Amino acid sequence: MGVISDTGRTLDQIETVPYEQAFLIGDLLTTSITMLSGEPKAGKTLLAAGMAIALINGHSEFLGLPVHQRLDHIIFGVTDEGASAELKARLTGAVPDNSVTVFPVEDTGRDGFWASVLEDLVQMRPGLFVLDNVIGALAPGEDISEPSAAARFMRSVRPISSAGIPVLLVTHTPKGTAEGMSVASSPIGGRQFGAAARSLITLRNSGKKGRRIQTAINRAREDLDLKVTVRRATADSEVPLWEREETRPNIVPLYDAKSWHLGLADRIVREQPTETSIKGLAHRYAEDVGRKPETIRPKLAELLTRSGGRWVRKSTEAA
């Protein structure tokens, strides 16, 4: 027998996973492998802790996004010195003490390390496994920027997801983009990590623009670009409280999520902005509609054209 005959399935034999079962938190945290990347001190561990609090406590939403599942137990594997104590400080009082297990990820180069982790996870059946962080979990001598190292690492953790345990991998972004990766999909390790995870969250923090969460996730209804803040829940606590700083304005008349581009096209025809290119329009209105310019451009190109120095709809049929 061959590979295809042993493993191939026709469409009717493949199980379909409903959207609500594909995400723990809608359009943000998946039930497969999600990679959370960001520069040092961006707040990656704080974001992981915030999501854990929402999931364990069964909150209805996190940052305005629906929480689809309530989790009884989350396991954190940590690599940094002092990370266990820091995580405890961020979760104590916010979740039951027995709802989170923390263990040090050490000596990952020894034979059978990841197989042993998988065995324990399958036995304990947590609702989520968080690895913080990928760089610290590499075997001695491995370089995260080497595609082969990234591929080996993903082969090590993929069986955890295949066993039905969602995985959140925390890692770093490079300085600037690399290998043609987009802003929202540039963990160190480049294409190997991005292709393997297929669910990418980037947390960015700058003095000028503040904190932003950007995503590029398969099966998401839309990619996110959210301006957010994080603060201590109380003055004497390290528990993080995440808040969405801005909400997406509705375009009047109100259209549903699938036809937002129709409302935007009507608005452009009504306002007649000074931009004379589709690209210019996409950049002008990106923040207003909460979508990326590259998402907006093809939609507007289908609907609008310049005629007599004005923006007009191409035809009613195109709408």
C-alpha atoms as a PDB file:
ATOM      1  CA  MET A   1       0.000   0.000   0.000  1.00  0.00           C
ATOM      2  CA  GLY A   2       1.130   3.598  -0.625  1.00  0.00           C
ATOM      3  CA  VAL A   3       0.935   6.890   1.197  1.00  0.00           C
ATOM      4  CA  ILE A   4      -2.203   8.062  -0.605  1.00  0.00           C
ATOM      5  CA  SER A   5      -4.035   4.769  -0.342  1.00  0.00           C
ATOM      6  CA  ASP A   6      -3.210   4.544   3.381  1.00  0.00           C
ATOM      7  CA  THR A   7      -4.005   8.115   4.401  1.00  0.00           C
ATOM      8  CA  GLY A   8      -6.117   9.634   1.628  1.00  0.00           C
ATOM      9  CA  ARG A   9      -9.753  10.480   2.290  1.00  0.00           C
ATOM     10  CA  THR A  10     -12.487  11.679  -0.040  1.00  0.00           C
ATOM     11  CA  LEU A  11     -14.356  14.826   0.972  1.00  0.00           C
ATOM     12  CA  ASP A  12     -17.281  12.897   2.410  1.00  0.00           C
ATOM     13  CA  GLN A  13     -14.880  11.057   4.726  1.00  0.00           C
ATOM     14  CA  ILE A  14     -13.297  14.227   6.132  1.00  0.00           C
ATOM     15  CA  GLU A  15     -14.874  15.586   9.297  1.00  0.00           C
ATOM     16  CA  THR A  16     -15.935  19.223   9.103  1.00  0.00           C
ATOM     17  CA  VAL A  17     -15.109  21.375  12.131  1.00  0.00           C
ATOM     18  CA  PRO A  18     -17.696  24.143  12.697  1.00  0.00           C
ATOM     19  CA  TYR A  19     -16.345  27.671  13.096  1.00  0.00           C
ATOM     20  CA  GLU A  20     -17.243  27.801  16.794  1.00  0.00           C
ATOM     21  CA  GLN A  21     -15.239  24.624  17.386  1.00  0.00           C
ATOM     22  CA  ALA A  22     -12.259  25.930  15.407  1.00  0.00           C
ATOM     23  CA  PHE A  23     -11.738  28.835  17.840  1.00  0.00           C
ATOM     24  CA  LEU A  24     -11.440  29.139  21.596  1.00  0.00           C
ATOM     25  CA  ILE A  25     -11.757  32.916  21.143  1.00  0.00           C
ATOM     26  CA  GLY A  26     -13.370  34.023  17.908  1.00  0.00           C
ATOM     27  CA  ASP A  27     -10.932  35.093  15.162  1.00  0.00           C
ATOM     28  CA  LEU A  28      -8.090  35.164  17.727  1.00  0.00           C
ATOM     29  CA  LEU A  29      -7.190  31.895  19.461  1.00  0.00           C
ATOM     30  CA  THR A  30      -7.722  28.645  17.564  1.00  0.00           C
ATOM     31  CA  THR A  31      -8.223  25.064  18.686  1.00  0.00           C
ATOM     32  CA  SER A  32      -5.184  23.974  16.653  1.00  0.00           C
ATOM     33  CA  ILE A  33      -1.759  25.705  16.753  1.00  0.00           C
ATOM     34  CA  THR A  34      -1.717  29.461  17.251  1.00  0.00           C
ATOM     35  CA  MET A  35       1.507  31.465  17.266  1.00  0.00           C
ATOM     36  CA  LEU A  36       1.683  34.678  19.299  1.00  0.00           C
ATOM     37  CA  SER A  37       4.700  36.806  18.399  1.00  0.00           C
ATOM     38  CA  GLY A  38       5.952  40.230  19.353  1.00  0.00           C
ATOM     39  CA  GLU A  39       9.040  42.161  20.284  1.00  0.00           C
ATOM     40  CA  PRO A  40      10.439  41.846  23.842  1.00  0.00           C
ATOM     41  CA  LYS A  41       8.296  43.635  26.447  1.00  0.00           C
ATOM     42  CA  ALA A  42       5.343  43.973  24.072  1.00  0.00           C
ATOM     43  CA  GLY A  43       3.170  42.108  26.565  1.00  0.00           C
ATOM     44  CA  LYS A  44       2.971  38.650  24.987  1.00  0.00           C
ATOM     45  CA  THR A  45       2.852  36.773  28.293  1.00  0.00           C
ATOM     46  CA  LEU A  46       0.338  39.294  29.626  1.00  0.00           C
ATOM     47  CA  LEU A  47      -1.857  38.623  26.579  1.00  0.00           C
ATOM     48  CA  ALA A  48      -1.587  34.857  27.072  1.00  0.00           C
ATOM     49  CA  ALA A  49      -2.538  35.344  30.733  1.00  0.00           C
ATOM     50  CA  GLY A  50      -5.466  37.580  29.779  1.00  0.00           C
ATOM     51  CA  MET A  51      -6.828  34.990  27.371  1.00  0.00           C
ATOM     52  CA  ALA A  52      -6.370  32.267  29.987  1.00  0.00           C
ATOM     53  CA  ILE A  53      -8.364  34.268  32.544  1.00  0.00           C
ATOM     54  CA  ALA A  54     -11.225  34.785  30.083  1.00  0.00           C
ATOM     55  CA  LEU A  55     -11.283  31.094  29.104  1.00  0.00           C
ATOM     56  CA  ILE A  56     -11.079  29.659  32.620  1.00  0.00           C
ATOM     57  CA  ASN A  57     -13.697  32.023  34.018  1.00  0.00           C
ATOM     58  CA  GLY A  58     -16.024  31.448  31.082  1.00  0.00           C
ATOM     59  CA  HIS A  59     -16.258  35.105  30.115  1.00  0.00           C
ATOM     60  CA  SER A  60     -18.630  35.803  27.263  1.00  0.00           C
ATOM     61  CA  GLU A  61     -15.983  37.792  25.368  1.00  0.00           C
ATOM     62  CA  PHE A  62     -12.371  38.924  25.333  1.00  0.00           C
ATOM     63  CA  LEU A  63     -11.534  42.259  23.693  1.00  0.00           C
ATOM     64  CA  GLY A  64     -14.999  42.234  22.195  1.00  0.00           C
ATOM     65  CA  LEU A  65     -14.443  38.822  20.597  1.00  0.00           C
ATOM     66  CA  PRO A  66     -16.669  35.877  21.584  1.00  0.00           C
ATOM     67  CA  VAL A  67     -15.255  33.240  23.912  1.00  0.00           C
ATOM     68  CA  HIS A  68     -16.546  29.975  22.458  1.00  0.00           C
ATOM     69  CA  GLN A  69     -15.348  27.538  25.111  1.00  0.00           C
ATOM     70  CA  ARG A  70     -14.878  27.533  28.853  1.00  0.00           C
ATOM     71  CA  LEU A  71     -11.727  25.693  29.976  1.00  0.00           C
ATOM     72  CA  ASP A  72     -11.197  23.937  33.294  1.00  0.00           C
ATOM     73  CA  HIS A  73      -7.430  23.557  33.016  1.00  0.00           C
ATOM     74  CA  ILE A  74      -4.573  25.242  31.135  1.00  0.00           C
ATOM     75  CA  ILE A  75      -0.946  24.106  31.180  1.00  0.00           C
ATOM     76  CA  PHE A  76       1.917  26.568  30.707  1.00  0.00           C
ATOM     77  CA  GLY A  77       5.401  25.425  29.753  1.00  0.00           C
ATOM     78  CA  VAL A  78       7.862  28.222  30.543  1.00  0.00           C
ATOM     79  CA  THR A  79      11.517  28.621  29.629  1.00  0.00           C
ATOM     80  CA  ASP A  80      12.683  31.869  31.218  1.00  0.00           C
ATOM     81  CA  GLU A  81      14.218  32.137  34.677  1.00  0.00           C
ATOM     82  CA  GLY A  82      11.584  33.344  37.119  1.00  0.00           C
ATOM     83  CA  ALA A  83       8.748  32.920  34.606  1.00  0.00           C
ATOM     84  CA  SER A  84       6.763  30.589  36.880  1.00  0.00           C
ATOM     85  CA  ALA A  85       6.640  33.135  39.700  1.00  0.00           C
ATOM     86  CA  GLU A  86       5.750  35.945  37.290  1.00  0.00           C
ATOM     87  CA  LEU A  87       2.915  33.919  35.803  1.00  0.00           C
ATOM     88  CA  LYS A  88       1.606  33.086  39.275  1.00  0.00           C
ATOM     89  CA  ALA A  89       1.532  36.784  40.154  1.00  0.00           C
ATOM     90  CA  ARG A  90      -0.479  37.524  37.012  1.00  0.00           C
ATOM     91  CA  LEU A  91      -3.058  34.803  37.604  1.00  0.00           C
ATOM     92  CA  THR A  92      -3.411  34.522  41.395  1.00  0.00           C
ATOM     93  CA  GLY A  93      -6.811  35.717  42.493  1.00  0.00           C
ATOM     94  CA  ALA A  94      -8.085  35.812  38.923  1.00  0.00           C
ATOM     95  CA  VAL A  95      -8.499  32.047  38.425  1.00  0.00           C
ATOM     96  CA  PRO A  96      -8.724  29.020  40.748  1.00  0.00           C
ATOM     97  CA  ASP A  97      -5.250  27.879  41.800  1.00  0.00           C
ATOM     98  CA  ASN A  98      -5.834  24.344  40.513  1.00  0.00           C
ATOM     99  CA  SER A  99      -6.928  25.537  37.072  1.00  0.00           C
ATOM    100  CA  VAL A 100      -3.377  26.279  35.886  1.00  0.00           C
ATOM    101  CA  THR A 101      -0.309  24.037  35.877  1.00  0.00           C
ATOM    102  CA  VAL A 102       3.117  25.538  35.186  1.00  0.00           C
ATOM    103  CA  PHE A 103       6.239  23.500  34.401  1.00  0.00           C
ATOM    104  CA  PRO A 104       9.789  24.429  33.319  1.00  0.00           C
ATOM    105  CA  VAL A 105      10.738  23.494  29.764  1.00  0.00           C
ATOM    106  CA  GLU A 106      14.333  22.321  30.067  1.00  0.00           C
ATOM    107  CA  ASP A 107      16.768  19.976  28.341  1.00  0.00           C
ATOM    108  CA  THR A 108      14.621  19.813  25.220  1.00  0.00           C
ATOM    109  CA  GLY A 109      17.456  18.273  23.203  1.00  0.00           C
ATOM    110  CA  ARG A 110      17.376  14.952  25.022  1.00  0.00           C
ATOM    111  CA  ASP A 111      15.815  11.999  23.269  1.00  0.00           C
ATOM    112  CA  GLY A 112      12.134  11.589  23.939  1.00  0.00           C
ATOM    113  CA  PHE A 113      11.571  15.001  25.583  1.00  0.00           C
ATOM    114  CA  TRP A 114       8.641  16.060  23.434  1.00  0.00           C
ATOM    115  CA  ALA A 115       7.218  12.538  23.364  1.00  0.00           C
ATOM    116  CA  SER A 116       7.190  12.656  27.168  1.00  0.00           C
ATOM    117  CA  VAL A 117       5.459  16.049  27.156  1.00  0.00           C
ATOM    118  CA  LEU A 118       2.868  14.691  24.744  1.00  0.00           C
ATOM    119  CA  GLU A 119       2.266  11.639  26.940  1.00  0.00           C
ATOM    120  CA  ASP A 120       1.602  13.817  29.994  1.00  0.00           C
ATOM    121  CA  LEU A 121      -0.619  16.228  28.086  1.00  0.00           C
ATOM    122  CA  VAL A 122      -2.729  13.416  26.651  1.00  0.00           C
ATOM    123  CA  GLN A 123      -3.168  12.003  30.138  1.00  0.00           C
ATOM    124  CA  MET A 124      -3.973  15.366  31.778  1.00  0.00           C
ATOM    125  CA  ARG A 125      -6.144  16.650  28.869  1.00  0.00           C
ATOM    126  CA  PRO A 126      -5.857  20.426  29.408  1.00  0.00           C
ATOM    127  CA  GLY A 127      -8.060  22.737  27.389  1.00  0.00           C
ATOM    128  CA  LEU A 128      -4.971  24.610  26.192  1.00  0.00           C
ATOM    129  CA  PHE A 129      -1.187  24.157  26.229  1.00  0.00           C
ATOM    130  CA  VAL A 130       0.822  27.400  26.231  1.00  0.00           C
ATOM    131  CA  LEU A 131       4.548  27.311  25.473  1.00  0.00           C
ATOM    132  CA  ASP A 132       6.312  30.511  26.535  1.00  0.00           C
ATOM    133  CA  ASN A 133       8.601  30.767  24.656  1.00  0.00           C
ATOM    134  CA  VAL A 134       9.708  29.051  21.456  1.00  0.00           C
ATOM    135  CA  ILE A 135      13.291  30.353  21.453  1.00  0.00           C
ATOM    136  CA  GLY A 136      13.940  29.023  24.937  1.00  0.00           C
ATOM    137  CA  ALA A 137      12.470  25.649  23.978  1.00  0.00           C
ATOM    138  CA  LEU A 138      14.868  24.980  21.111  1.00  0.00           C
ATOM    139  CA  ALA A 139      17.449  22.242  21.507  1.00  0.00           C
ATOM    140  CA  PRO A 140      21.024  23.365  22.334  1.00  0.00           C
ATOM    141  CA  GLY A 141      22.793  24.665  19.243  1.00  0.00           C
ATOM    142  CA  GLU A 142      19.626  25.234  17.229  1.00  0.00           C
ATOM    143  CA  ASP A 143      19.137  28.629  15.589  1.00  0.00           C
ATOM    144  CA  ILE A 144      15.534  29.792  15.316  1.00  0.00           C
ATOM    145  CA  SER A 145      16.313  31.697  12.111  1.00  0.00           C
ATOM    146  CA  GLU A 146      17.268  28.444  10.378  1.00  0.00           C
ATOM    147  CA  PRO A 147      14.294  26.969   8.495  1.00  0.00           C
ATOM    148  CA  SER A 148      15.413  23.449   9.375  1.00  0.00           C
ATOM    149  CA  ALA A 149      15.352  24.236  13.100  1.00  0.00           C
ATOM    150  CA  ALA A 150      11.894  25.788  12.814  1.00  0.00           C
ATOM    151  CA  ALA A 151      10.648  22.764  10.877  1.00  0.00           C
ATOM    152  CA  ARG A 152      12.050  20.317  13.446  1.00  0.00           C
ATOM    153  CA  PHE A 153      10.469  22.254  16.281  1.00  0.00           C
ATOM    154  CA  MET A 154       7.047  22.319  14.647  1.00  0.00           C
ATOM    155  CA  ARG A 155       7.260  18.581  13.983  1.00  0.00           C
ATOM    156  CA  SER A 156       7.845  18.158  17.713  1.00  0.00           C
ATOM    157  CA  VAL A 157       4.775  20.118  18.849  1.00  0.00           C
ATOM    158  CA  ARG A 158       2.342  19.254  16.049  1.00  0.00           C
ATOM    159  CA  PRO A 159       1.418  15.867  17.621  1.00  0.00           C
ATOM    160  CA  ILE A 160       0.065  17.780  20.637  1.00  0.00           C
ATOM    161  CA  SER A 161      -2.431  19.588  18.437  1.00  0.00           C
ATOM    162  CA  SER A 162      -3.163  16.369  16.540  1.00  0.00           C
ATOM    163  CA  ALA A 163      -4.106  14.803  19.875  1.00  0.00           C
ATOM    164  CA  GLY A 164      -6.895  17.383  20.196  1.00  0.00           C
ATOM    165  CA  ILE A 165      -5.104  19.772  22.569  1.00  0.00           C
ATOM    166  CA  PRO A 166      -5.000  23.415  21.398  1.00  0.00           C
ATOM    167  CA  VAL A 167      -1.499  24.900  21.407  1.00  0.00           C
ATOM    168  CA  LEU A 168      -0.436  28.535  21.866  1.00  0.00           C
ATOM    169  CA  LEU A 169       3.218  29.170  21.010  1.00  0.00           C
ATOM    170  CA  VAL A 170       4.738  32.429  22.246  1.00  0.00           C
ATOM    171  CA  THR A 171       7.755  33.742  20.342  1.00  0.00           C
ATOM    172  CA  HIS A 172       9.505  36.894  19.147  1.00  0.00           C
ATOM    173  CA  THR A 173       9.275  38.958  15.987  1.00  0.00           C
ATOM    174  CA  PRO A 174      12.420  39.883  14.058  1.00  0.00           C
ATOM    175  CA  LYS A 175      13.569  43.457  13.641  1.00  0.00           C
ATOM    176  CA  GLY A 176      11.543  44.428  10.586  1.00  0.00           C
ATOM    177  CA  THR A 177       9.935  42.033   8.121  1.00  0.00           C
ATOM    178  CA  ALA A 178      11.767  39.014   6.750  1.00  0.00           C
ATOM    179  CA  GLU A 179      11.411  36.673   3.804  1.00  0.00           C
ATOM    180  CA  GLY A 180       8.566  38.749   2.425  1.00  0.00           C
ATOM    181  CA  MET A 181       6.404  38.059   5.463  1.00  0.00           C
ATOM    182  CA  SER A 182       3.647  40.561   6.169  1.00  0.00           C
ATOM    183  CA  VAL A 183       3.579  42.674   9.310  1.00  0.00           C
ATOM    184  CA  ALA A 184       1.027  40.416  10.960  1.00  0.00           C
ATOM    185  CA  SER A 185       2.856  37.201  10.148  1.00  0.00           C
ATOM    186  CA  SER A 186       6.517  37.615  10.951  1.00  0.00           C
ATOM    187  CA  PRO A 187       7.652  35.450  13.863  1.00  0.00           C
ATOM    188  CA  ILE A 188      11.351  34.743  13.954  1.00  0.00           C
ATOM    189  CA  GLY A 189      11.729  31.584  11.909  1.00  0.00           C
ATOM    190  CA  GLY A 190       9.827  33.087   9.002  1.00  0.00           C
ATOM    191  CA  ARG A 191       7.920  30.929   6.600  1.00  0.00           C
ATOM    192  CA  GLN A 192       8.445  27.617   8.377  1.00  0.00           C
ATOM    193  CA  PHE A 193       6.718  28.809  11.538  1.00  0.00           C
ATOM    194  CA  GLY A 194       4.105  30.824   9.673  1.00  0.00           C
ATOM    195  CA  ALA A 195       3.156  27.983   7.354  1.00  0.00           C
ATOM    196  CA  ALA A 196       3.075  25.372  10.101  1.00  0.00           C
ATOM    197  CA  ALA A 197       1.013  27.366  12.586  1.00  0.00           C
ATOM    198  CA  ARG A 198      -1.386  28.866   9.993  1.00  0.00           C
ATOM    199  CA  SER A 199      -2.777  30.954  12.850  1.00  0.00           C
ATOM    200  CA  LEU A 200      -0.687  34.010  13.653  1.00  0.00           C
ATOM    201  CA  ILE A 201      -1.128  36.745  16.242  1.00  0.00           C
ATOM    202  CA  THR A 202       1.289  39.655  16.375  1.00  0.00           C
ATOM    203  CA  LEU A 203       1.337  41.980  19.367  1.00  0.00           C
ATOM    204  CA  ARG A 204       3.002  45.315  18.697  1.00  0.00           C
ATOM    205  CA  ASN A 205       3.773  48.109  21.136  1.00  0.00           C
ATOM    206  CA  SER A 206       5.174  51.505  20.215  1.00  0.00           C
ATOM    207  CA  GLY A 207       5.080  54.845  21.928  1.00  0.00           C
ATOM    208  CA  LYS A 208       3.489  56.475  18.875  1.00  0.00           C
ATOM    209  CA  LYS A 209       0.795  53.951  18.002  1.00  0.00           C
ATOM    210  CA  GLY A 210       0.376  52.157  21.316  1.00  0.00           C
ATOM    211  CA  ARG A 211      -0.430  48.471  21.527  1.00  0.00           C
ATOM    212  CA  ARG A 212      -2.014  46.703  18.578  1.00  0.00           C
ATOM    213  CA  ILE A 213      -3.052  43.115  18.024  1.00  0.00           C
ATOM    214  CA  GLN A 214      -2.879  41.985  14.396  1.00  0.00           C
ATOM    215  CA  THR A 215      -3.822  38.556  13.101  1.00  0.00           C
ATOM    216  CA  ALA A 216      -3.533  36.369  10.016  1.00  0.00           C
ATOM    217  CA  ILE A 217      -5.564  33.249  10.740  1.00  0.00           C
ATOM    218  CA  ASN A 218      -7.036  30.557   8.523  1.00  0.00           C
ATOM    219  CA  ARG A 219     -10.812  30.212   8.878  1.00  0.00           C
ATOM    220  CA  ALA A 220     -11.112  33.554  10.661  1.00  0.00           C
ATOM    221  CA  ARG A 221     -14.054  35.580   9.451  1.00  0.00           C
ATOM    222  CA  GLU A 222     -11.699  38.527   9.179  1.00  0.00           C
ATOM    223  CA  ASP A 223      -8.140  39.468  10.082  1.00  0.00           C
ATOM    224  CA  LEU A 224      -7.944  41.701  13.121  1.00  0.00           C
ATOM    225  CA  ASP A 225      -6.109  44.959  13.686  1.00  0.00           C
ATOM    226  CA  LEU A 226      -7.104  46.090  17.174  1.00  0.00           C
ATOM    227  CA  LYS A 227      -5.813  48.960  19.255  1.00  0.00           C
ATOM    228  CA  VAL A 228      -5.702  47.704  22.835  1.00  0.00           C
ATOM    229  CA  THR A 229      -4.513  48.644  26.311  1.00  0.00           C
ATOM    230  CA  VAL A 230      -3.486  46.577  29.307  1.00  0.00           C
ATOM    231  CA  ARG A 231      -3.376  47.653  32.936  1.00  0.00           C
ATOM    232  CA  ARG A 232      -3.380  46.102  36.366  1.00  0.00           C
ATOM    233  CA  ALA A 233      -6.809  44.968  37.471  1.00  0.00           C
ATOM    234  CA  THR A 234      -6.204  46.690  40.830  1.00  0.00           C
ATOM    235  CA  ALA A 235      -3.426  48.856  42.230  1.00  0.00           C
ATOM    236  CA  ASP A 236      -1.999  46.038  44.377  1.00  0.00           C
ATOM    237  CA  SER A 237      -2.398  43.286  41.751  1.00  0.00           C
ATOM    238  CA  GLU A 238      -0.390  42.130  38.736  1.00  0.00           C
ATOM    239  CA  VAL A 239      -3.425  40.531  37.100  1.00  0.00           C
ATOM    240  CA  PRO A 240      -3.702  42.032  33.593  1.00  0.00           C
ATOM    241  CA  LEU A 241      -6.889  43.695  32.446  1.00  0.00           C
ATOM    242  CA  TRP A 242      -7.019  43.970  28.656  1.00  0.00           C
ATOM    243  CA  GLU A 243      -9.329  46.446  26.976  1.00  0.00           C
ATOM    244  CA  ARG A 244     -10.103  47.344  23.403  1.00  0.00           C
ATOM    245  CA  GLU A 245      -9.328  51.028  23.018  1.00  0.00           C
ATOM    246  CA  GLU A 246     -11.381  51.648  19.915  1.00  0.00           C
ATOM    247  CA  THR A 247     -14.485  50.149  18.395  1.00  0.00           C
ATOM    248  CA  ARG A 248     -15.116  49.918  14.697  1.00  0.00           C
ATOM    249  CA  PRO A 249     -17.437  52.684  13.567  1.00  0.00           C
ATOM    250  CA  ASN A 250     -20.480  51.582  11.677  1.00  0.00           C
ATOM    251  CA  ILE A 251     -20.937  52.921   8.173  1.00  0.00           C
ATOM    252  CA  VAL A 252     -24.395  54.362   7.675  1.00  0.00           C
ATOM    253  CA  PRO A 253     -26.528  52.777   6.451  1.00  0.00           C
ATOM    254  CA  LEU A 254     -25.631  49.770   8.618  1.00  0.00           C
ATOM    255  CA  TYR A 255     -24.531  46.705   6.630  1.00  0.00           C
ATOM    256  CA  ASP A 256     -23.742  43.259   7.944  1.00  0.00           C
ATOM    257  CA  ALA A 257     -20.180  41.931   8.167  1.00  0.00           C
ATOM    258  CA  LYS A 258     -20.374  40.298   4.754  1.00  0.00           C
ATOM    259  CA  SER A 259     -21.372  43.453   2.888  1.00  0.00           C
ATOM    260  CA  TRP A 260     -19.312  46.136   4.599  1.00  0.00           C
ATOM    261  CA  HIS A 261     -17.693  46.987   1.243  1.00  0.00           C
ATOM    262  CA  LEU A 262     -21.059  48.052  -0.172  1.00  0.00           C
ATOM    263  CA  GLY A 263     -21.482  50.616   2.577  1.00  0.00           C
ATOM    264  CA  LEU A 264     -17.939  51.840   2.093  1.00  0.00           C
ATOM    265  CA  ALA A 265     -18.428  52.234  -1.666  1.00  0.00           C
ATOM    266  CA  ASP A 266     -21.606  54.246  -1.066  1.00  0.00           C
ATOM    267  CA  ARG A 267     -19.759  56.415   1.422  1.00  0.00           C
ATOM    268  CA  ILE A 268     -16.936  57.134  -1.028  1.00  0.00           C
ATOM    269  CA  VAL A 269     -19.376  58.105  -3.767  1.00  0.00           C
ATOM    270  CA  ARG A 270     -21.135  60.364  -1.292  1.00  0.00           C
ATOM    271  CA  GLU A 271     -18.008  61.987   0.184  1.00  0.00           C
ATOM    272  CA  GLN A 272     -15.863  62.155  -2.992  1.00  0.00           C
ATOM    273  CA  PRO A 273     -12.474  62.086  -1.219  1.00  0.00           C
ATOM    274  CA  THR A 274      -9.414  63.625  -2.885  1.00  0.00           C
ATOM    275  CA  GLU A 275      -7.713  60.254  -3.445  1.00  0.00           C
ATOM    276  CA  THR A 276      -7.659  59.299  -7.124  1.00  0.00           C
ATOM    277  CA  SER A 277      -6.575  55.660  -6.807  1.00  0.00           C
ATOM    278  CA  ILE A 278      -8.102  52.555  -5.254  1.00  0.00           C
ATOM    279  CA  LYS A 279      -4.904  52.110  -3.257  1.00  0.00           C
ATOM    280  CA  GLY A 280      -5.247  55.595  -1.845  1.00  0.00           C
ATOM    281  CA  LEU A 281      -8.868  54.954  -0.881  1.00  0.00           C
ATOM    282  CA  ALA A 282      -7.941  51.696   0.838  1.00  0.00           C
ATOM    283  CA  HIS A 283      -5.355  53.416   2.998  1.00  0.00           C
ATOM    284  CA  ARG A 284      -7.635  56.369   3.776  1.00  0.00           C
ATOM    285  CA  TYR A 285     -10.555  54.251   4.996  1.00  0.00           C
ATOM    286  CA  ALA A 286      -8.700  51.262   6.503  1.00  0.00           C
ATOM    287  CA  GLU A 287      -8.949  52.470  10.086  1.00  0.00           C
ATOM    288  CA  ASP A 288     -12.565  53.566   9.686  1.00  0.00           C
ATOM    289  CA  VAL A 289     -13.757  50.105   8.663  1.00  0.00           C
ATOM    290  CA  GLY A 290     -11.270  48.172  10.758  1.00  0.00           C
ATOM    291  CA  ARG A 291      -9.741  46.270   7.863  1.00  0.00           C
ATOM    292  CA  LYS A 292      -6.363  46.162   6.207  1.00  0.00           C
ATOM    293  CA  PRO A 293      -5.771  48.133   2.980  1.00  0.00           C
ATOM    294  CA  GLU A 294      -4.943  44.926   1.107  1.00  0.00           C
ATOM    295  CA  THR A 295      -8.350  43.533   2.141  1.00  0.00           C
ATOM    296  CA  ILE A 296     -10.174  46.681   1.041  1.00  0.00           C
ATOM    297  CA  ARG A 297      -8.492  47.232  -2.349  1.00  0.00           C
ATOM    298  CA  PRO A 298      -9.939  44.294  -4.335  1.00  0.00           C
ATOM    299  CA  LYS A 299     -13.422  44.936  -2.939  1.00  0.00           C
ATOM    300  CA  LEU A 300     -13.397  48.577  -3.981  1.00  0.00           C
ATOM    301  CA  ALA A 301     -11.857  47.735  -7.362  1.00  0.00           C
ATOM    302  CA  GLU A 302     -14.915  45.591  -8.118  1.00  0.00           C
ATOM    303  CA  LEU A 303     -17.320  48.381  -7.232  1.00  0.00           C
ATOM    304  CA  LEU A 304     -15.789  51.768  -8.073  1.00  0.00           C
ATOM    305  CA  THR A 305     -14.235  53.613 -11.008  1.00  0.00           C
ATOM    306  CA  ARG A 306     -13.227  57.184 -11.835  1.00  0.00           C
ATOM    307  CA  SER A 307     -15.412  59.030 -14.310  1.00  0.00           C
ATOM    308  CA  GLY A 308     -15.277  62.743 -15.027  1.00  0.00           C
ATOM    309  CA  GLY A 309     -13.018  63.313 -12.052  1.00  0.00           C
ATOM    310  CA  ARG A 310     -15.456  61.616  -9.666  1.00  0.00           C
ATOM    311  CA  TRP A 311     -15.789  58.231  -7.995  1.00  0.00           C
ATOM    312  CA  VAL A 312     -18.833  56.358  -9.299  1.00  0.00           C
ATOM    313  CA  ARG A 313     -20.218  52.860  -8.918  1.00  0.00           C
ATOM    314  CA  LYS A 314     -19.325  50.615 -11.870  1.00  0.00           C
ATOM    315  CA  SER A 315     -22.828  49.201 -12.134  1.00  0.00           C
ATOM    316  CA  THR A 316     -25.678  48.066  -9.949  1.00  0.00           C
ATOM    317  CA  GLU A 317     -24.914  44.478 -10.937  1.00  0.00           C
ATOM    318  CA  ALA A 318     -21.367  44.770  -9.561  1.00  0.00           C
ATOM    319  CA  ALA A 319     -22.812  45.639  -6.182  1.00  0.00           C
END
